[in-house]
Protein backbone atom coordinates (compact mmCIF):
# COMPACT_ATOMS: atom_id res chain seq x y z
CA MET A 1 3.89 -32.57 35.09
CA GLY A 2 7.53 -31.46 35.20
CA LYS A 3 9.32 -29.74 37.99
CA ARG A 4 7.82 -26.41 38.98
CA LEU A 5 10.07 -23.38 38.78
CA ARG A 6 9.87 -20.15 40.73
CA ILE A 7 9.46 -17.09 38.54
CA GLY A 8 13.11 -16.09 39.04
CA GLN A 9 14.33 -19.52 38.00
CA PHE A 10 12.01 -19.51 35.00
CA ALA A 11 13.24 -16.05 33.93
CA ARG A 12 16.88 -17.13 34.16
CA LEU A 13 16.24 -20.22 32.02
CA ALA A 14 14.40 -18.05 29.49
CA HIS A 15 17.25 -15.47 29.52
CA VAL A 16 14.85 -12.60 30.33
CA THR A 17 14.04 -10.49 33.35
CA ILE A 18 11.33 -11.24 35.89
CA ARG A 19 9.66 -8.04 34.71
CA THR A 20 9.32 -9.50 31.21
CA VAL A 21 7.71 -12.68 32.55
CA ARG A 22 5.29 -10.61 34.63
CA HIS A 23 4.49 -8.46 31.58
CA TYR A 24 3.53 -11.58 29.62
CA GLU A 25 1.30 -12.61 32.49
CA ASP A 26 -0.34 -9.16 32.70
CA GLU A 27 -1.06 -9.29 28.97
CA GLY A 28 -2.67 -12.70 29.31
CA LEU A 29 -0.06 -14.41 27.17
CA LEU A 30 1.57 -16.79 29.68
CA ARG A 31 0.10 -17.45 33.10
CA PRO A 32 1.82 -19.34 35.94
CA CYS A 33 0.75 -22.92 36.37
CA CYS A 34 0.41 -22.29 40.08
CA VAL A 35 0.22 -19.35 42.48
CA ARG A 36 0.58 -20.07 46.17
CA ASN A 37 -2.28 -18.53 48.14
CA GLY A 38 -0.22 -17.49 51.12
CA SER A 39 3.06 -16.36 49.60
CA ARG A 40 1.67 -15.44 46.17
CA TYR A 41 4.74 -17.09 44.73
CA ARG A 42 4.36 -17.86 41.04
CA TYR A 43 5.44 -21.22 39.67
CA TYR A 44 5.91 -22.32 36.10
CA ASP A 45 6.40 -25.67 34.42
CA ALA A 46 9.65 -26.22 32.56
CA ALA A 47 7.51 -27.14 29.54
CA GLN A 48 6.25 -23.54 29.48
CA LEU A 49 9.71 -22.41 28.37
CA LEU A 50 8.91 -23.60 24.84
CA THR A 51 5.65 -21.66 24.89
CA PHE A 52 7.48 -18.59 26.19
CA HIS A 53 10.06 -18.69 23.39
CA ARG A 54 7.35 -19.13 20.77
CA ILE A 55 5.53 -16.08 22.13
CA ALA A 56 8.74 -14.05 22.40
CA ALA A 57 9.53 -14.66 18.72
CA LEU A 58 6.33 -12.94 17.57
CA PRO A 59 7.04 -9.34 18.74
CA ARG A 60 10.45 -9.56 17.09
CA VAL A 61 8.71 -9.74 13.72
CA GLY A 62 6.28 -6.98 14.64
CA ILE A 63 3.26 -9.00 15.73
CA SER A 64 1.19 -6.92 18.16
CA ILE A 65 0.14 -8.10 21.62
CA PRO A 66 -3.57 -8.28 20.63
CA ASP A 67 -2.68 -10.43 17.61
CA ILE A 68 -0.49 -12.68 19.76
CA ARG A 69 -3.41 -13.08 22.14
CA ARG A 70 -5.66 -14.02 19.24
CA LEU A 71 -3.13 -16.59 18.08
CA LEU A 72 -2.81 -18.15 21.53
CA HIS A 73 -6.52 -18.22 22.27
CA GLY A 74 -7.36 -19.67 18.88
CA SER A 75 -10.13 -17.16 18.17
CA ASP A 76 -8.85 -16.77 14.60
CA ASP A 77 -6.99 -18.84 12.08
CA GLY A 78 -3.33 -18.35 12.99
CA ILE A 79 -2.27 -18.46 9.35
CA GLU A 80 -4.65 -15.60 8.52
CA VAL A 81 -3.23 -13.46 11.33
CA LEU A 82 0.33 -14.06 10.17
CA GLN A 83 -0.54 -13.54 6.50
CA ALA A 84 -2.31 -10.25 7.28
CA HIS A 85 0.74 -9.03 9.18
CA ARG A 86 2.99 -10.09 6.30
CA GLU A 87 0.90 -8.00 3.91
CA ARG A 88 1.22 -4.99 6.20
CA LEU A 89 4.99 -5.44 6.32
CA ARG A 90 5.16 -5.82 2.54
CA SER A 91 3.17 -2.61 2.03
CA ALA A 92 5.38 -0.75 4.50
CA ILE A 93 8.52 -1.98 2.73
CA ASP A 94 7.16 -0.89 -0.66
CA GLU A 95 6.28 2.55 0.70
CA GLN A 96 9.68 3.02 2.32
CA THR A 97 11.43 1.82 -0.85
CA MET A 98 9.56 4.49 -2.81
CA GLN A 99 10.50 7.10 -0.19
CA LEU A 100 14.14 6.03 -0.43
CA ARG A 101 14.11 6.42 -4.22
CA GLN A 102 12.54 9.87 -3.95
CA LEU A 103 15.15 10.86 -1.37
CA ASP A 104 17.91 9.63 -3.69
CA ALA A 105 16.42 11.80 -6.45
CA MET A 106 16.48 14.83 -4.11
CA LEU A 107 20.09 14.11 -3.12
CA SER A 108 21.02 13.87 -6.79
CA GLY A 109 19.59 17.35 -7.29
CA VAL A 110 21.58 18.64 -4.33
CA ASP A 111 24.80 17.20 -5.80
CA GLN A 112 24.19 18.94 -9.11
CA ALA A 113 23.07 22.30 -7.75
CA ALA A 114 25.23 22.37 -4.60
CA ASP A 115 22.07 23.33 -2.77
CA PHE A 116 18.66 21.97 -1.93
CA PRO A 117 16.83 21.66 -5.29
CA ALA A 118 14.56 24.59 -6.06
CA THR A 119 11.85 22.24 -7.25
CA CYS A 120 10.98 18.76 -6.07
CA ALA A 121 8.56 16.36 -7.71
CA ARG A 122 5.41 15.89 -5.71
CA VAL A 123 4.12 12.32 -5.74
CA ARG A 124 0.52 11.73 -4.81
CA ALA A 125 -2.08 9.04 -5.35
CA ILE A 126 -4.98 9.85 -7.64
CA PRO A 127 -8.18 8.36 -6.28
CA PRO A 128 -10.25 6.20 -8.63
CA MET A 129 -12.85 8.16 -10.55
CA ILE A 130 -15.47 7.52 -13.19
CA ALA A 131 -14.70 9.02 -16.61
CA LEU A 132 -16.69 9.24 -19.81
CA SER A 133 -14.37 8.49 -22.71
CA ARG A 134 -14.49 8.81 -26.47
CA ARG A 135 -12.38 7.12 -29.11
CA ALA A 136 -12.02 7.79 -32.80
CA THR A 137 -9.91 6.40 -35.64
CA VAL A 138 -8.23 8.38 -38.41
CA PRO A 139 -6.69 6.73 -41.48
CA GLU A 140 -3.45 8.76 -41.44
CA LEU A 141 -1.58 11.60 -39.77
CA SER A 142 -3.10 14.67 -41.36
CA GLU A 143 -5.49 17.49 -40.64
CA ALA A 144 -7.94 14.81 -39.60
CA VAL A 145 -5.99 14.37 -36.37
CA SER A 146 -6.31 18.04 -35.46
CA GLU A 147 -9.96 18.04 -36.44
CA MET A 148 -10.56 14.95 -34.30
CA PHE A 149 -8.96 16.52 -31.25
CA GLU A 150 -10.65 19.87 -31.70
CA GLY A 151 -13.98 18.19 -32.23
CA ALA A 152 -13.54 15.88 -29.29
CA GLU A 153 -12.49 18.70 -26.95
CA ALA A 154 -15.38 20.86 -28.08
CA ASP A 155 -17.65 17.86 -27.69
CA ALA A 156 -16.35 17.27 -24.15
CA GLY A 157 -16.89 20.92 -23.24
CA SER A 158 -20.38 21.51 -24.54
CA GLY A 159 -21.39 18.61 -26.77
CA THR A 160 -22.60 15.06 -26.34
CA MET A 161 -20.16 14.11 -23.55
CA HIS A 162 -21.19 17.12 -21.50
CA ARG A 163 -24.87 16.47 -22.14
CA TRP A 164 -24.46 12.81 -21.23
CA ILE A 165 -22.88 13.79 -17.90
CA GLU A 166 -25.69 16.23 -17.19
CA ARG A 167 -28.34 13.61 -18.02
CA ALA A 168 -26.59 11.23 -15.63
CA GLY A 169 -27.12 13.75 -12.82
CA ALA A 170 -23.39 14.43 -12.56
CA VAL A 171 -20.89 17.23 -13.08
CA ALA A 172 -17.36 17.34 -14.44
CA SER A 173 -15.05 16.85 -11.45
CA ALA A 174 -11.56 17.29 -12.91
CA PRO A 175 -9.81 18.64 -16.01
CA ARG A 176 -10.08 16.67 -19.23
CA ARG A 177 -7.32 14.17 -19.87
CA GLU A 178 -5.76 12.80 -23.05
CA ILE A 179 -4.45 9.24 -22.75
CA TYR A 180 -2.06 8.05 -25.46
CA HIS A 181 -2.34 4.26 -25.43
CA ARG A 182 -0.49 3.56 -28.69
CA PHE A 183 1.63 6.00 -30.69
CA GLY A 184 4.91 6.35 -32.57
CA ALA A 185 6.71 8.85 -30.38
CA ASP A 186 9.45 6.66 -28.95
CA GLU A 187 12.06 8.94 -27.35
CA ARG A 188 15.83 8.90 -27.61
CA GLY A 189 17.49 7.56 -24.48
CA TYR A 190 14.73 5.24 -23.33
CA ARG A 191 12.48 2.63 -24.83
CA LEU A 192 8.78 2.34 -24.30
CA PRO A 193 7.13 -1.09 -24.20
CA ASP A 194 6.53 -2.50 -27.66
CA TYR A 195 2.79 -2.76 -27.14
CA ARG A 196 2.71 1.06 -26.75
CA LEU A 197 4.45 1.71 -30.07
CA THR A 198 3.37 1.42 -33.66
CA SER A 199 4.75 2.81 -36.91
CA ASN A 200 1.32 2.72 -38.52
CA PRO A 201 -0.75 5.82 -37.71
CA ALA A 202 -3.91 3.81 -38.33
CA ASP A 203 -3.02 1.80 -35.21
CA TYR A 204 -2.70 4.83 -32.92
CA VAL A 205 -5.03 4.68 -29.93
CA THR A 206 -5.83 7.93 -28.12
CA GLU A 207 -8.52 8.38 -25.50
CA LEU A 208 -10.12 11.59 -24.28
CA GLN A 209 -11.50 11.36 -20.75
CA MET A 210 -13.75 13.64 -18.74
CA PRO A 211 -13.89 12.65 -15.04
CA PHE A 212 -17.24 13.28 -13.38
CA ALA A 213 -18.94 12.86 -10.05
CA PRO A 214 -22.56 12.97 -8.79
CA ALA A 215 -23.94 16.48 -8.61
CA THR A 216 -24.54 17.83 -5.13
CA ARG A 217 -28.16 18.40 -4.24
């Protein structure tokens, strides 16, 4: 065992305050190797400096005191604790990056209008939902396309899709949606991914969806 250090000496070697050392003790992270019964003086081993610095590095990267305690006591796999915290940091960074981009878009509107923009895009997550879908193929762009859409929309409103949802004990839970998976409407100024585009109308892929949810009893 190395030379024992009083708490003040230990704090000076660790370049922290005595209060910090006591805080680590109160949290159960680093206990003195010896406490004198009469004086209640706390003593530490010089070797505990390495442990102290290892512990002190964890809050600097956002590791919480409970997680540090779990790491020290070995109740969990340390790698799993660190990996879970990394995922939380990654998610927070992604969210803040998105917020920064939205703020930049707002500032761009302010620059153009010399005022806070009258309208701002609202971004929200759409929860997963079950949808009944129908697909159809037409040989060419003609009246058949209009007939397909009109028939499909009528079908979704009162035809087989609606009846299927009713038989499933469900109800329509959101407006109908048209999803254009493949089409030939590439726009000037930007390029859609090649797998979305086709010059052959026979290769168009359009999906009509009707979200539904269980009916309330």
